[in-house]
C-alpha atoms as a PDB file:
ATOM      1  CA  MET A   1      66.375 -70.677 -97.266  1.00  0.00           C
ATOM      2  CA  PRO A   2      65.916 -69.472 -93.777  1.00  0.00           C
ATOM      3  CA  HIS A   3      63.443 -66.985 -92.531  1.00  0.00           C
ATOM      4  CA  ARG A   4      65.709 -64.338 -91.877  1.00  0.00           C
ATOM      5  CA  PRO A   5      64.208 -61.621 -94.146  1.00  0.00           C
ATOM      6  CA  SER A   6      60.697 -62.142 -92.377  1.00  0.00           C
ATOM      7  CA  ARG A   7      62.059 -61.935 -88.920  1.00  0.00           C
ATOM      8  CA  LEU A   8      64.574 -59.015 -89.463  1.00  0.00           C
ATOM      9  CA  ALA A   9      63.251 -56.553 -86.928  1.00  0.00           C
ATOM     10  CA  ALA A  10      61.027 -58.970 -84.987  1.00  0.00           C
ATOM     11  CA  LEU A  11      62.397 -57.969 -81.568  1.00  0.00           C
ATOM     12  CA  GLY A  12      62.902 -54.358 -81.816  1.00  0.00           C
ATOM     13  CA  LEU A  13      59.860 -53.747 -84.192  1.00  0.00           C
ATOM     14  CA  ALA A  14      57.402 -55.482 -82.004  1.00  0.00           C
ATOM     15  CA  VAL A  15      58.137 -53.858 -78.991  1.00  0.00           C
ATOM     16  CA  ALA A  16      58.183 -50.504 -80.544  1.00  0.00           C
ATOM     17  CA  VAL A  17      54.921 -51.053 -82.297  1.00  0.00           C
ATOM     18  CA  LEU A  18      53.188 -52.403 -79.283  1.00  0.00           C
ATOM     19  CA  ALA A  19      54.021 -49.262 -77.276  1.00  0.00           C
ATOM     20  CA  THR A  20      52.350 -47.013 -80.026  1.00  0.00           C
ATOM     21  CA  THR A  21      48.748 -46.179 -80.661  1.00  0.00           C
ATOM     22  CA  ALA A  22      47.402 -45.111 -83.996  1.00  0.00           C
ATOM     23  CA  ALA A  23      45.218 -42.445 -85.226  1.00  0.00           C
ATOM     24  CA  ALA A  24      41.708 -44.136 -86.636  1.00  0.00           C
ATOM     25  CA  THR A  25      42.144 -45.366 -90.248  1.00  0.00           C
ATOM     26  CA  THR A  26      39.537 -44.579 -92.901  1.00  0.00           C
ATOM     27  CA  VAL A  27      36.368 -46.977 -93.083  1.00  0.00           C
ATOM     28  CA  THR A  28      34.277 -47.515 -95.967  1.00  0.00           C
ATOM     29  CA  ALA A  29      30.457 -47.138 -95.964  1.00  0.00           C
ATOM     30  CA  VAL A  30      30.264 -50.942 -96.094  1.00  0.00           C
ATOM     31  CA  GLN A  31      32.343 -51.519 -93.061  1.00  0.00           C
ATOM     32  CA  ALA A  32      30.891 -48.707 -90.880  1.00  0.00           C
ATOM     33  CA  ALA A  33      27.311 -50.374 -91.743  1.00  0.00           C
ATOM     34  CA  THR A  34      28.616 -53.848 -90.556  1.00  0.00           C
ATOM     35  CA  ARG A  35      30.414 -53.153 -87.277  1.00  0.00           C
ATOM     36  CA  ALA A  36      30.131 -56.173 -84.835  1.00  0.00           C
ATOM     37  CA  THR A  37      27.336 -54.342 -82.936  1.00  0.00           C
ATOM     38  CA  ALA A  38      25.022 -54.001 -85.808  1.00  0.00           C
ATOM     39  CA  LEU A  39      23.061 -56.495 -87.836  1.00  0.00           C
ATOM     40  CA  PRO A  40      25.318 -57.681 -90.854  1.00  0.00           C
ATOM     41  CA  LEU A  41      24.527 -56.853 -94.309  1.00  0.00           C
ATOM     42  CA  ALA A  42      24.913 -59.620 -96.924  1.00  0.00           C
ATOM     43  CA  ALA A  43      28.306 -60.021 -98.255  1.00  0.00           C
ATOM     44  CA  PRO A  44      29.126 -59.061-101.580  1.00  0.00           C
ATOM     45  CA  THR A  45      29.658 -61.685-104.283  1.00  0.00           C
ATOM     46  CA  VAL A  46      31.925 -59.317-106.650  1.00  0.00           C
ATOM     47  CA  PRO A  47      35.220 -58.111-105.374  1.00  0.00           C
ATOM     48  CA  PRO A  48      35.853 -54.244-105.431  1.00  0.00           C
ATOM     49  CA  PRO A  49      37.840 -52.864-108.255  1.00  0.00           C
ATOM     50  CA  SER A  50      40.847 -52.324-105.881  1.00  0.00           C
ATOM     51  CA  TYR A  51      42.096 -53.127-102.495  1.00  0.00           C
ATOM     52  CA  PRO A  52      40.059 -51.413 -99.578  1.00  0.00           C
ATOM     53  CA  ALA A  53      41.593 -49.419 -96.766  1.00  0.00           C
ATOM     54  CA  PRO A  54      41.807 -51.261 -93.291  1.00  0.00           C
ATOM     55  CA  GLY A  55      38.587 -50.805 -91.411  1.00  0.00           C
ATOM     56  CA  ARG A  56      38.340 -48.263 -88.841  1.00  0.00           C
ATOM     57  CA  VAL A  57      40.215 -49.192 -85.506  1.00  0.00           C
ATOM     58  CA  THR A  58      40.940 -47.096 -82.351  1.00  0.00           C
ATOM     59  CA  GLY A  59      42.738 -47.048 -79.109  1.00  0.00           C
ATOM     60  CA  SER A  60      45.800 -49.308 -78.767  1.00  0.00           C
ATOM     61  CA  THR A  61      46.280 -50.710 -82.520  1.00  0.00           C
ATOM     62  CA  GLY A  62      49.790 -51.449 -82.830  1.00  0.00           C
ATOM     63  CA  ALA A  63      50.267 -55.061 -83.448  1.00  0.00           C
ATOM     64  CA  HIS A  64      52.368 -57.644 -85.180  1.00  0.00           C
ATOM     65  CA  ASP A  65      50.872 -61.233 -86.160  1.00  0.00           C
ATOM     66  CA  PRO A  66      47.487 -60.544 -84.562  1.00  0.00           C
ATOM     67  CA  ALA A  67      45.253 -63.513 -83.593  1.00  0.00           C
ATOM     68  CA  VAL A  68      41.656 -62.973 -82.343  1.00  0.00           C
ATOM     69  CA  VAL A  69      39.053 -64.799 -80.697  1.00  0.00           C
ATOM     70  CA  ARG A  70      35.477 -63.963 -79.354  1.00  0.00           C
ATOM     71  CA  ALA A  71      34.913 -64.982 -75.890  1.00  0.00           C
ATOM     72  CA  PRO A  72      31.638 -66.491 -74.572  1.00  0.00           C
ATOM     73  CA  ASN A  73      30.777 -63.032 -73.310  1.00  0.00           C
ATOM     74  CA  GLY A  74      31.084 -61.317 -76.626  1.00  0.00           C
ATOM     75  CA  THR A  75      34.435 -59.533 -75.898  1.00  0.00           C
ATOM     76  CA  TYR A  76      37.192 -59.954 -78.414  1.00  0.00           C
ATOM     77  CA  LEU A  77      40.627 -61.008 -77.221  1.00  0.00           C
ATOM     78  CA  LEU A  78      43.598 -60.256 -79.234  1.00  0.00           C
ATOM     79  CA  ALA A  79      46.949 -61.706 -78.875  1.00  0.00           C
ATOM     80  CA  THR A  80      49.923 -60.398 -80.766  1.00  0.00           C
ATOM     81  CA  THR A  81      54.006 -60.860 -81.126  1.00  0.00           C
ATOM     82  CA  GLY A  82      55.757 -59.018 -78.510  1.00  0.00           C
ATOM     83  CA  ASN A  83      57.339 -59.438 -74.796  1.00  0.00           C
ATOM     84  CA  ASN A  84      55.611 -62.076 -73.161  1.00  0.00           C
ATOM     85  CA  LEU A  85      52.720 -61.931 -75.667  1.00  0.00           C
ATOM     86  CA  PRO A  86      50.636 -58.604 -75.366  1.00  0.00           C
ATOM     87  CA  LEU A  87      46.976 -59.149 -75.148  1.00  0.00           C
ATOM     88  CA  LYS A  88      44.266 -56.582 -76.224  1.00  0.00           C
ATOM     89  CA  THR A  89      40.483 -56.545 -75.858  1.00  0.00           C
ATOM     90  CA  SER A  90      37.409 -54.799 -77.665  1.00  0.00           C
ATOM     91  CA  THR A  91      33.635 -55.084 -77.242  1.00  0.00           C
ATOM     92  CA  ASP A  92      33.107 -53.859 -80.684  1.00  0.00           C
ATOM     93  CA  ARG A  93      35.911 -54.976 -82.961  1.00  0.00           C
ATOM     94  CA  VAL A  94      36.649 -51.100 -83.280  1.00  0.00           C
ATOM     95  CA  ALA A  95      38.036 -49.769 -80.135  1.00  0.00           C
ATOM     96  CA  TRP A  96      40.906 -51.629 -78.640  1.00  0.00           C
ATOM     97  CA  ARG A  97      42.650 -51.398 -75.288  1.00  0.00           C
ATOM     98  CA  ASP A  98      45.835 -53.046 -73.668  1.00  0.00           C
ATOM     99  CA  ALA A  99      44.930 -56.004 -71.411  1.00  0.00           C
ATOM    100  CA  GLY A 100      48.385 -56.929 -70.141  1.00  0.00           C
ATOM    101  CA  VAL A 101      50.568 -60.077 -71.052  1.00  0.00           C
ATOM    102  CA  VAL A 102      50.055 -63.816 -71.126  1.00  0.00           C
ATOM    103  CA  TRP A 103      53.284 -64.250 -68.995  1.00  0.00           C
ATOM    104  CA  PRO A 104      53.745 -61.453 -66.556  1.00  0.00           C
ATOM    105  CA  GLY A 105      56.426 -63.339 -64.892  1.00  0.00           C
ATOM    106  CA  GLY A 106      58.094 -64.273 -68.037  1.00  0.00           C
ATOM    107  CA  ALA A 107      58.320 -67.560 -69.929  1.00  0.00           C
ATOM    108  CA  PRO A 108      61.742 -69.312 -68.919  1.00  0.00           C
ATOM    109  CA  TRP A 109      61.147 -72.546 -70.878  1.00  0.00           C
ATOM    110  CA  THR A 110      61.292 -70.451 -74.223  1.00  0.00           C
ATOM    111  CA  THR A 111      64.720 -69.052 -73.443  1.00  0.00           C
ATOM    112  CA  ALA A 112      66.621 -71.759 -74.848  1.00  0.00           C
ATOM    113  CA  TYR A 113      65.115 -70.891 -78.172  1.00  0.00           C
ATOM    114  CA  THR A 114      64.954 -66.964 -77.806  1.00  0.00           C
ATOM    115  CA  GLY A 115      68.610 -66.394 -76.763  1.00  0.00           C
ATOM    116  CA  GLY A 116      67.314 -65.488 -73.657  1.00  0.00           C
ATOM    117  CA  GLY A 117      65.017 -62.767 -74.772  1.00  0.00           C
ATOM    118  CA  ALA A 118      61.360 -62.108 -73.763  1.00  0.00           C
ATOM    119  CA  ASN A 119      60.135 -61.499 -77.389  1.00  0.00           C
ATOM    120  CA  LEU A 120      57.658 -64.271 -78.233  1.00  0.00           C
ATOM    121  CA  TRP A 121      56.264 -64.713 -81.892  1.00  0.00           C
ATOM    122  CA  ALA A 122      52.901 -65.363 -84.008  1.00  0.00           C
ATOM    123  CA  PRO A 123      50.330 -66.471 -81.284  1.00  0.00           C
ATOM    124  CA  ASP A 124      47.339 -68.347 -82.166  1.00  0.00           C
ATOM    125  CA  ILE A 125      44.408 -68.101 -80.124  1.00  0.00           C
ATOM    126  CA  SER A 126      40.851 -69.902 -79.821  1.00  0.00           C
ATOM    127  CA  TYR A 127      38.184 -70.991 -77.619  1.00  0.00           C
ATOM    128  CA  ARG A 128      37.421 -74.731 -77.319  1.00  0.00           C
ATOM    129  CA  ASP A 129      35.664 -77.050 -74.744  1.00  0.00           C
ATOM    130  CA  GLY A 130      35.385 -74.349 -72.084  1.00  0.00           C
ATOM    131  CA  ARG A 131      38.928 -73.017 -72.244  1.00  0.00           C
ATOM    132  CA  PHE A 132      41.202 -70.637 -74.352  1.00  0.00           C
ATOM    133  CA  LEU A 133      43.926 -72.171 -76.115  1.00  0.00           C
ATOM    134  CA  LEU A 134      47.278 -70.320 -77.261  1.00  0.00           C
ATOM    135  CA  TYR A 135      49.872 -71.735 -79.412  1.00  0.00           C
ATOM    136  CA  TYR A 136      52.982 -69.578 -79.774  1.00  0.00           C
ATOM    137  CA  SER A 137      56.463 -69.664 -81.100  1.00  0.00           C
ATOM    138  CA  ALA A 138      59.884 -69.155 -79.797  1.00  0.00           C
ATOM    139  CA  SER A 139      62.906 -68.517 -81.884  1.00  0.00           C
ATOM    140  CA  THR A 140      65.541 -65.823 -83.026  1.00  0.00           C
ATOM    141  CA  PHE A 141      66.150 -64.094 -86.279  1.00  0.00           C
ATOM    142  CA  GLY A 142      67.650 -66.505 -88.859  1.00  0.00           C
ATOM    143  CA  SER A 143      67.725 -69.557 -86.720  1.00  0.00           C
ATOM    144  CA  GLN A 144      65.904 -72.876 -87.381  1.00  0.00           C
ATOM    145  CA  ARG A 145      66.263 -73.688 -83.744  1.00  0.00           C
ATOM    146  CA  SER A 146      62.631 -72.974 -82.864  1.00  0.00           C
ATOM    147  CA  ALA A 147      59.568 -74.109 -81.014  1.00  0.00           C
ATOM    148  CA  ILE A 148      55.818 -74.022 -80.584  1.00  0.00           C
ATOM    149  CA  PHE A 149      54.416 -73.978 -77.118  1.00  0.00           C
ATOM    150  CA  LEU A 150      50.765 -74.410 -75.841  1.00  0.00           C
ATOM    151  CA  ALA A 151      49.104 -72.454 -73.050  1.00  0.00           C
ATOM    152  CA  THR A 152      45.690 -72.650 -71.558  1.00  0.00           C
ATOM    153  CA  SER A 153      43.472 -70.419 -69.674  1.00  0.00           C
ATOM    154  CA  PRO A 154      39.870 -70.553 -68.199  1.00  0.00           C
ATOM    155  CA  THR A 155      39.316 -66.834 -68.866  1.00  0.00           C
ATOM    156  CA  GLY A 156      42.013 -65.422 -71.195  1.00  0.00           C
ATOM    157  CA  ALA A 157      43.076 -62.907 -68.906  1.00  0.00           C
ATOM    158  CA  ALA A 158      46.575 -61.756 -68.437  1.00  0.00           C
ATOM    159  CA  GLY A 159      48.436 -64.113 -65.713  1.00  0.00           C
ATOM    160  CA  SER A 160      45.611 -66.705 -65.755  1.00  0.00           C
ATOM    161  CA  TRP A 161      47.698 -68.923 -68.417  1.00  0.00           C
ATOM    162  CA  THR A 162      48.951 -72.281 -67.857  1.00  0.00           C
ATOM    163  CA  HIS A 163      52.007 -73.528 -69.638  1.00  0.00           C
ATOM    164  CA  GLN A 164      51.333 -76.737 -70.943  1.00  0.00           C
ATOM    165  CA  GLY A 165      54.561 -77.649 -72.606  1.00  0.00           C
ATOM    166  CA  LEU A 166      56.118 -78.143 -75.895  1.00  0.00           C
ATOM    167  CA  VAL A 167      54.239 -79.081 -78.930  1.00  0.00           C
ATOM    168  CA  ILE A 168      56.778 -79.433 -81.938  1.00  0.00           C
ATOM    169  CA  GLU A 169      60.412 -78.096 -82.262  1.00  0.00           C
ATOM    170  CA  SER A 170      62.809 -77.763 -85.269  1.00  0.00           C
ATOM    171  CA  SER A 171      66.634 -77.646 -85.776  1.00  0.00           C
ATOM    172  CA  SER A 172      68.986 -78.259 -88.576  1.00  0.00           C
ATOM    173  CA  ALA A 173      67.839 -81.840 -88.238  1.00  0.00           C
ATOM    174  CA  VAL A 174      64.662 -81.229 -90.190  1.00  0.00           C
ATOM    175  CA  ASN A 175      63.494 -79.584 -93.201  1.00  0.00           C
ATOM    176  CA  TYR A 176      61.124 -77.134 -91.844  1.00  0.00           C
ATOM    177  CA  ASN A 177      60.901 -74.229 -89.079  1.00  0.00           C
ATOM    178  CA  ALA A 178      58.584 -74.518 -86.127  1.00  0.00           C
ATOM    179  CA  ILE A 179      57.039 -71.021 -86.095  1.00  0.00           C
ATOM    180  CA  ASP A 180      53.690 -69.421 -86.732  1.00  0.00           C
ATOM    181  CA  PRO A 181      51.272 -71.988 -85.455  1.00  0.00           C
ATOM    182  CA  ASN A 182      47.523 -72.221 -86.406  1.00  0.00           C
ATOM    183  CA  LEU A 183      45.050 -74.860 -84.571  1.00  0.00           C
ATOM    184  CA  PHE A 184      42.225 -75.824 -87.081  1.00  0.00           C
ATOM    185  CA  VAL A 185      39.744 -78.548 -86.751  1.00  0.00           C
ATOM    186  CA  ASP A 186      38.169 -80.588 -89.547  1.00  0.00           C
ATOM    187  CA  ALA A 187      34.646 -81.640 -90.269  1.00  0.00           C
ATOM    188  CA  ALA A 188      35.204 -84.851 -88.466  1.00  0.00           C
ATOM    189  CA  GLY A 189      36.435 -83.046 -85.215  1.00  0.00           C
ATOM    190  CA  GLN A 190      40.162 -83.908 -85.705  1.00  0.00           C
ATOM    191  CA  TRP A 191      42.613 -81.429 -84.575  1.00  0.00           C
ATOM    192  CA  TRP A 192      45.542 -80.205 -86.690  1.00  0.00           C
ATOM    193  CA  LEU A 193      48.345 -77.762 -86.280  1.00  0.00           C
ATOM    194  CA  ALA A 194      49.443 -75.802 -89.404  1.00  0.00           C
ATOM    195  CA  PHE A 195      52.711 -73.885 -89.064  1.00  0.00           C
ATOM    196  CA  GLY A 196      56.019 -73.094 -90.797  1.00  0.00           C
ATOM    197  CA  SER A 197      58.217 -70.349 -92.479  1.00  0.00           C
ATOM    198  CA  PHE A 198      60.744 -70.546 -95.310  1.00  0.00           C
ATOM    199  CA  TRP A 199      62.875 -73.501 -95.542  1.00  0.00           C
ATOM    200  CA  THR A 200      60.565 -76.211 -97.217  1.00  0.00           C
ATOM    201  CA  GLY A 201      57.350 -74.071 -96.355  1.00  0.00           C
ATOM    202  CA  ILE A 202      53.980 -74.805 -94.851  1.00  0.00           C
ATOM    203  CA  LYS A 203      53.342 -78.160 -92.739  1.00  0.00           C
ATOM    204  CA  SER A 204      50.760 -79.740 -90.582  1.00  0.00           C
ATOM    205  CA  VAL A 205      50.812 -82.062 -87.684  1.00  0.00           C
ATOM    206  CA  ARG A 206      47.978 -84.151 -86.099  1.00  0.00           C
ATOM    207  CA  LEU A 207      47.105 -83.116 -82.477  1.00  0.00           C
ATOM    208  CA  ASP A 208      45.314 -85.053 -79.716  1.00  0.00           C
ATOM    209  CA  PRO A 209      42.114 -83.014 -78.762  1.00  0.00           C
ATOM    210  CA  ALA A 210      42.249 -84.167 -75.322  1.00  0.00           C
ATOM    211  CA  THR A 211      45.632 -82.485 -74.648  1.00  0.00           C
ATOM    212  CA  GLY A 212      45.906 -79.912 -77.508  1.00  0.00           C
ATOM    213  CA  LYS A 213      49.333 -81.457 -78.084  1.00  0.00           C
ATOM    214  CA  ARG A 214      50.889 -83.784 -80.681  1.00  0.00           C
ATOM    215  CA  SER A 215      49.294 -87.051 -81.587  1.00  0.00           C
ATOM    216  CA  THR A 216      51.288 -89.940 -80.493  1.00  0.00           C
ATOM    217  CA  THR A 217      49.646 -92.380 -82.982  1.00  0.00           C
ATOM    218  CA  ASP A 218      49.948 -90.127 -86.289  1.00  0.00           C
ATOM    219  CA  THR A 219      53.442 -88.235 -86.071  1.00  0.00           C
ATOM    220  CA  ALA A 220      53.525 -87.617 -89.715  1.00  0.00           C
ATOM    221  CA  VAL A 221      54.633 -84.063 -90.802  1.00  0.00           C
ATOM    222  CA  ARG A 222      52.493 -83.303 -93.885  1.00  0.00           C
ATOM    223  CA  ALA A 223      53.336 -80.540 -96.580  1.00  0.00           C
ATOM    224  CA  LEU A 224      50.623 -77.917 -97.366  1.00  0.00           C
ATOM    225  CA  ALA A 225      52.481 -75.187 -99.109  1.00  0.00           C
ATOM    226  CA  GLN A 226      56.119 -74.473-100.372  1.00  0.00           C
ATOM    227  CA  ARG A 227      57.525 -71.602-102.328  1.00  0.00           C
ATOM    228  CA  GLN A 228      59.733 -72.648-105.267  1.00  0.00           C
ATOM    229  CA  THR A 229      61.012 -68.956-105.876  1.00  0.00           C
ATOM    230  CA  ALA A 230      61.656 -65.966-103.893  1.00  0.00           C
ATOM    231  CA  SER A 231      64.100 -67.974-101.539  1.00  0.00           C
ATOM    232  CA  GLY A 232      60.895 -69.843-100.548  1.00  0.00           C
ATOM    233  CA  ALA A 233      59.293 -67.025 -98.684  1.00  0.00           C
ATOM    234  CA  VAL A 234      56.059 -68.543 -97.446  1.00  0.00           C
ATOM    235  CA  GLU A 235      54.774 -68.374 -93.889  1.00  0.00           C
ATOM    236  CA  ALA A 236      52.045 -67.602 -91.505  1.00  0.00           C
ATOM    237  CA  PRO A 237      49.513 -70.281 -92.505  1.00  0.00           C
ATOM    238  CA  PHE A 238      45.993 -70.159 -91.367  1.00  0.00           C
ATOM    239  CA  VAL A 239      43.197 -72.682 -92.062  1.00  0.00           C
ATOM    240  CA  TYR A 240      39.672 -71.745 -92.331  1.00  0.00           C
ATOM    241  CA  ARG A 241      36.668 -74.079 -93.140  1.00  0.00           C
ATOM    242  CA  ARG A 242      33.829 -73.033 -95.130  1.00  0.00           C
ATOM    243  CA  GLY A 243      31.324 -74.553 -97.789  1.00  0.00           C
ATOM    244  CA  GLY A 244      32.952 -77.985 -98.101  1.00  0.00           C
ATOM    245  CA  TYR A 245      36.470 -76.419 -98.452  1.00  0.00           C
ATOM    246  CA  TYR A 246      39.512 -75.711 -96.166  1.00  0.00           C
ATOM    247  CA  TYR A 247      41.144 -72.634 -97.221  1.00  0.00           C
ATOM    248  CA  LEU A 248      44.827 -72.158 -96.501  1.00  0.00           C
ATOM    249  CA  PHE A 249      45.693 -68.396 -96.122  1.00  0.00           C
ATOM    250  CA  THR A 250      49.456 -67.799 -95.991  1.00  0.00           C
ATOM    251  CA  SER A 251      51.839 -64.707 -96.574  1.00  0.00           C
ATOM    252  CA  PHE A 252      54.345 -64.550 -99.251  1.00  0.00           C
ATOM    253  CA  ASP A 253      57.514 -62.497 -99.497  1.00  0.00           C
ATOM    254  CA  LEU A 254      58.902 -60.274 -96.905  1.00  0.00           C
ATOM    255  CA  CYS A 255      57.791 -59.202 -93.373  1.00  0.00           C
ATOM    256  CA  CYS A 256      59.363 -56.840 -90.860  1.00  0.00           C
ATOM    257  CA  ARG A 257      60.514 -54.128 -92.867  1.00  0.00           C
ATOM    258  CA  GLY A 258      58.350 -51.381 -92.166  1.00  0.00           C
ATOM    259  CA  ALA A 259      57.296 -49.428 -95.082  1.00  0.00           C
ATOM    260  CA  SER A 260      59.749 -51.654 -97.315  1.00  0.00           C
ATOM    261  CA  SER A 261      57.839 -54.672 -96.236  1.00  0.00           C
ATOM    262  CA  THR A 262      56.612 -56.772 -99.311  1.00  0.00           C
ATOM    263  CA  TYR A 263      54.189 -59.174 -97.315  1.00  0.00           C
ATOM    264  CA  ARG A 264      51.015 -60.119 -99.345  1.00  0.00           C
ATOM    265  CA  THR A 265      48.113 -62.490 -98.565  1.00  0.00           C
ATOM    266  CA  MET A 266      47.719 -65.464-100.703  1.00  0.00           C
ATOM    267  CA  VAL A 267      44.859 -68.339-100.439  1.00  0.00           C
ATOM    268  CA  GLY A 268      44.355 -71.794-101.834  1.00  0.00           C
ATOM    269  CA  ARG A 269      41.957 -74.449-100.907  1.00  0.00           C
ATOM    270  CA  SER A 270      41.422 -78.093-100.598  1.00  0.00           C
ATOM    271  CA  THR A 271      38.245 -80.552 -99.807  1.00  0.00           C
ATOM    272  CA  SER A 272      40.905 -82.348 -97.347  1.00  0.00           C
ATOM    273  CA  PRO A 273      42.293 -81.007 -94.242  1.00  0.00           C
ATOM    274  CA  THR A 274      45.691 -82.350 -95.333  1.00  0.00           C
ATOM    275  CA  GLY A 275      45.522 -81.207 -98.927  1.00  0.00           C
ATOM    276  CA  PRO A 276      46.544 -80.971-101.711  1.00  0.00           C
ATOM    277  CA  PHE A 277      45.686 -77.397-101.739  1.00  0.00           C
ATOM    278  CA  THR A 278      45.519 -75.617-104.985  1.00  0.00           C
ATOM    279  CA  ASP A 279      44.823 -72.007-105.927  1.00  0.00           C
ATOM    280  CA  ARG A 280      42.410 -70.486-108.323  1.00  0.00           C
ATOM    281  CA  ASN A 281      44.190 -71.625-111.437  1.00  0.00           C
ATOM    282  CA  GLY A 282      44.667 -75.118-110.155  1.00  0.00           C
ATOM    283  CA  THR A 283      48.254 -74.998-109.216  1.00  0.00           C
ATOM    284  CA  ALA A 284      49.200 -76.932-106.079  1.00  0.00           C
ATOM    285  CA  LEU A 285      50.393 -74.611-103.280  1.00  0.00           C
ATOM    286  CA  THR A 286      53.155 -77.055-102.668  1.00  0.00           C
ATOM    287  CA  SER A 287      54.505 -76.128-106.195  1.00  0.00           C
ATOM    288  CA  GLY A 288      54.421 -72.513-105.410  1.00  0.00           C
ATOM    289  CA  GLY A 289      50.768 -71.698-106.190  1.00  0.00           C
ATOM    290  CA  GLY A 290      48.628 -69.097-104.324  1.00  0.00           C
ATOM    291  CA  THR A 291      45.762 -66.680-105.398  1.00  0.00           C
ATOM    292  CA  GLN A 292      46.537 -62.982-103.877  1.00  0.00           C
ATOM    293  CA  ILE A 293      43.765 -61.381-102.213  1.00  0.00           C
ATOM    294  CA  LEU A 294      45.521 -58.694-100.393  1.00  0.00           C
ATOM    295  CA  ALA A 295      48.971 -56.645-101.093  1.00  0.00           C
ATOM    296  CA  GLY A 296      50.216 -53.362-100.329  1.00  0.00           C
ATOM    297  CA  HIS A 297      48.433 -50.297-101.808  1.00  0.00           C
ATOM    298  CA  GLY A 298      48.554 -46.653-101.066  1.00  0.00           C
ATOM    299  CA  SER A 299      49.919 -46.187 -97.670  1.00  0.00           C
ATOM    300  CA  VAL A 300      49.265 -49.767 -96.468  1.00  0.00           C
ATOM    301  CA  HIS A 301      52.486 -51.687 -96.874  1.00  0.00           C
ATOM    302  CA  GLY A 302      53.021 -55.285 -96.337  1.00  0.00           C
ATOM    303  CA  PRO A 303      49.802 -56.623 -95.324  1.00  0.00           C
ATOM    304  CA  GLY A 304      49.901 -60.224 -94.121  1.00  0.00           C
ATOM    305  CA  HIS A 305      49.923 -62.826 -91.099  1.00  0.00           C
ATOM    306  CA  PRO A 306      46.090 -63.425 -91.719  1.00  0.00           C
ATOM    307  CA  ALA A 307      43.696 -64.659 -89.419  1.00  0.00           C
ATOM    308  CA  VAL A 308      40.126 -65.255 -90.073  1.00  0.00           C
ATOM    309  CA  LEU A 309      37.031 -65.238 -87.571  1.00  0.00           C
ATOM    310  CA  ALA A 310      33.530 -66.204 -88.232  1.00  0.00           C
ATOM    311  CA  ASP A 311      31.566 -63.436 -86.392  1.00  0.00           C
ATOM    312  CA  ASN A 312      27.889 -62.470 -86.399  1.00  0.00           C
ATOM    313  CA  GLY A 313      27.322 -63.757 -89.744  1.00  0.00           C
ATOM    314  CA  GLN A 314      30.618 -62.362 -91.169  1.00  0.00           C
ATOM    315  CA  ASP A 315      33.909 -63.646 -92.045  1.00  0.00           C
ATOM    316  CA  VAL A 316      36.472 -61.001 -90.757  1.00  0.00           C
ATOM    317  CA  LEU A 317      39.977 -60.845 -91.789  1.00  0.00           C
ATOM    318  CA  PHE A 318      42.629 -59.594 -89.218  1.00  0.00           C
ATOM    319  CA  TYR A 319      46.096 -58.995 -90.245  1.00  0.00           C
ATOM    320  CA  HIS A 320      49.021 -56.610 -89.682  1.00  0.00           C
ATOM    321  CA  TYR A 321      50.362 -53.839 -92.169  1.00  0.00           C
ATOM    322  CA  TYR A 322      52.827 -51.172 -91.896  1.00  0.00           C
ATOM    323  CA  THR A 323      52.232 -47.421 -92.238  1.00  0.00           C
ATOM    324  CA  ASP A 324      54.412 -45.061 -94.136  1.00  0.00           C
ATOM    325  CA  SER A 325      56.418 -44.256 -90.913  1.00  0.00           C
ATOM    326  CA  GLY A 326      57.049 -48.177 -90.641  1.00  0.00           C
ATOM    327  CA  ALA A 327      54.763 -48.798 -87.761  1.00  0.00           C
ATOM    328  CA  ALA A 328      52.890 -51.855 -87.659  1.00  0.00           C
ATOM    329  CA  ARG A 329      49.371 -51.751 -87.234  1.00  0.00           C
ATOM    330  CA  LEU A 330      46.265 -53.727 -86.883  1.00  0.00           C
ATOM    331  CA  GLY A 331      44.393 -54.356 -89.998  1.00  0.00           C
ATOM    332  CA  ILE A 332      40.628 -55.536 -90.157  1.00  0.00           C
ATOM    333  CA  ASN A 333      38.537 -56.058 -93.054  1.00  0.00           C
ATOM    334  CA  LEU A 334      35.566 -58.174 -94.144  1.00  0.00           C
ATOM    335  CA  LEU A 335      35.694 -61.174 -96.352  1.00  0.00           C
ATOM    336  CA  GLY A 336      33.493 -61.529 -99.529  1.00  0.00           C
ATOM    337  CA  TRP A 337      33.189 -64.969-101.656  1.00  0.00           C
ATOM    338  CA  ASP A 338      32.598 -64.935-105.161  1.00  0.00           C
ATOM    339  CA  SER A 339      30.454 -67.315-107.251  1.00  0.00           C
ATOM    340  CA  ALA A 340      33.055 -69.903-107.479  1.00  0.00           C
ATOM    341  CA  GLY A 341      33.743 -69.949-103.644  1.00  0.00           C
ATOM    342  CA  TRP A 342      36.902 -67.737-103.595  1.00  0.00           C
ATOM    343  CA  PRO A 343      37.622 -65.354-100.835  1.00  0.00           C
ATOM    344  CA  PHE A 344      38.152 -61.416-101.546  1.00  0.00           C
ATOM    345  CA  VAL A 345      38.803 -58.523 -99.197  1.00  0.00           C
ATOM    346  CA  TYR A 346      36.091 -55.574 -98.854  1.00  0.00           C
END
């Protein structure tokens, strides 16, 4: 099943959201005490009785599909869906400001996939081997004609990025959709790219660490997760390695419908970077499994497209959600881990 529900308003919504800033959201006492600039408190091992409010953020907080890295100088750099890939920065993970776009002159190599538009989706940003890497996707609503590209930069600043080319593309000739990329590195130092949306779900391919692009010796496309119900609505993978496990975070259900969005954040884990991933009950993620850790509550609608950052002794969850007005906002919370090693949001 195509991903048309999840991208229903991608172009118009992303542009509108990124032009708007939000009032600060409520912060819990724990979150206030564990700001990036303070010494972290020990993470709890028992989840709270209900989902917490997003942590306090200020300034330019409109975001869709956020991805975050901490630069060597300590600054946070956030990339998000939007025209030419908007960037934001912060010094404390609370106050955010606009910092231009990745491609000030446009990205003409993507227009064959975007129908000529400038709206690029779901960036994944990291810093490795002295450079920033940005994987991002180009597609249009309801289309399986999609592609993931790579860009690199020595500084991460707007306009400093170099186009490194196509990583993987999809069409009706394959059973997956090449959007929502996420680079992860396994315990042996091997690079992988997780990606996917609807169709047959979440996949991964092996990358060459020397180039950041697809391996020429291992070209297998591996299955990580697939919904068997809900029209196959699973997307936005993020793999996080912790304590001998690889945790696969994904989003179930529908994005991009404003306050009617039903996105929710799910997780499974594996001792191998290629799976099989299973949920808390032992159900394989390739058989529709997934343990829910965050869903809509109160005036927080459709929280999803997760990304996890290890930061100053904390595991930090970034995501987007929708307000009652339908605007997309940046969500930030902390992750705790229970006695069985499963994450929860607090």
